[in-house]
């Protein structure tokens, strides 16, 4: 899953596929048509929701959870980018992240979280 969707849950490619006989490369190149712009590959939120609910075993609750996780990941990515743009901020972010991890390890060992 990729957090760069503008809203809603992302769609990930799965491992299931249909095997087809190959075609010669020249034949493919002739038949494939024009190259699409990246905007044509975007799937609107409503369409993604419909695909996920109708073509998978995803429940509405799981979909909402995925939307929340994606929003959190997107926000964390936004904060990271913003922090990297400030002079000297990278060292401070690394110190904060190290402290957070160390506290998490201590808390898990003592079962206080």
Foldseek 3Di string as FASTA:
>chain_A
DALPDPAFADDDDDDDDDDDDDDDPVVCVVPVDDDDDPVVVDDDRVRVVCCPVPVHPDDPVNRVVRRVVSVVVVVVVVVVVVQVVDPPSVVVVVVVVVVVVVVVVVCVVVVVD
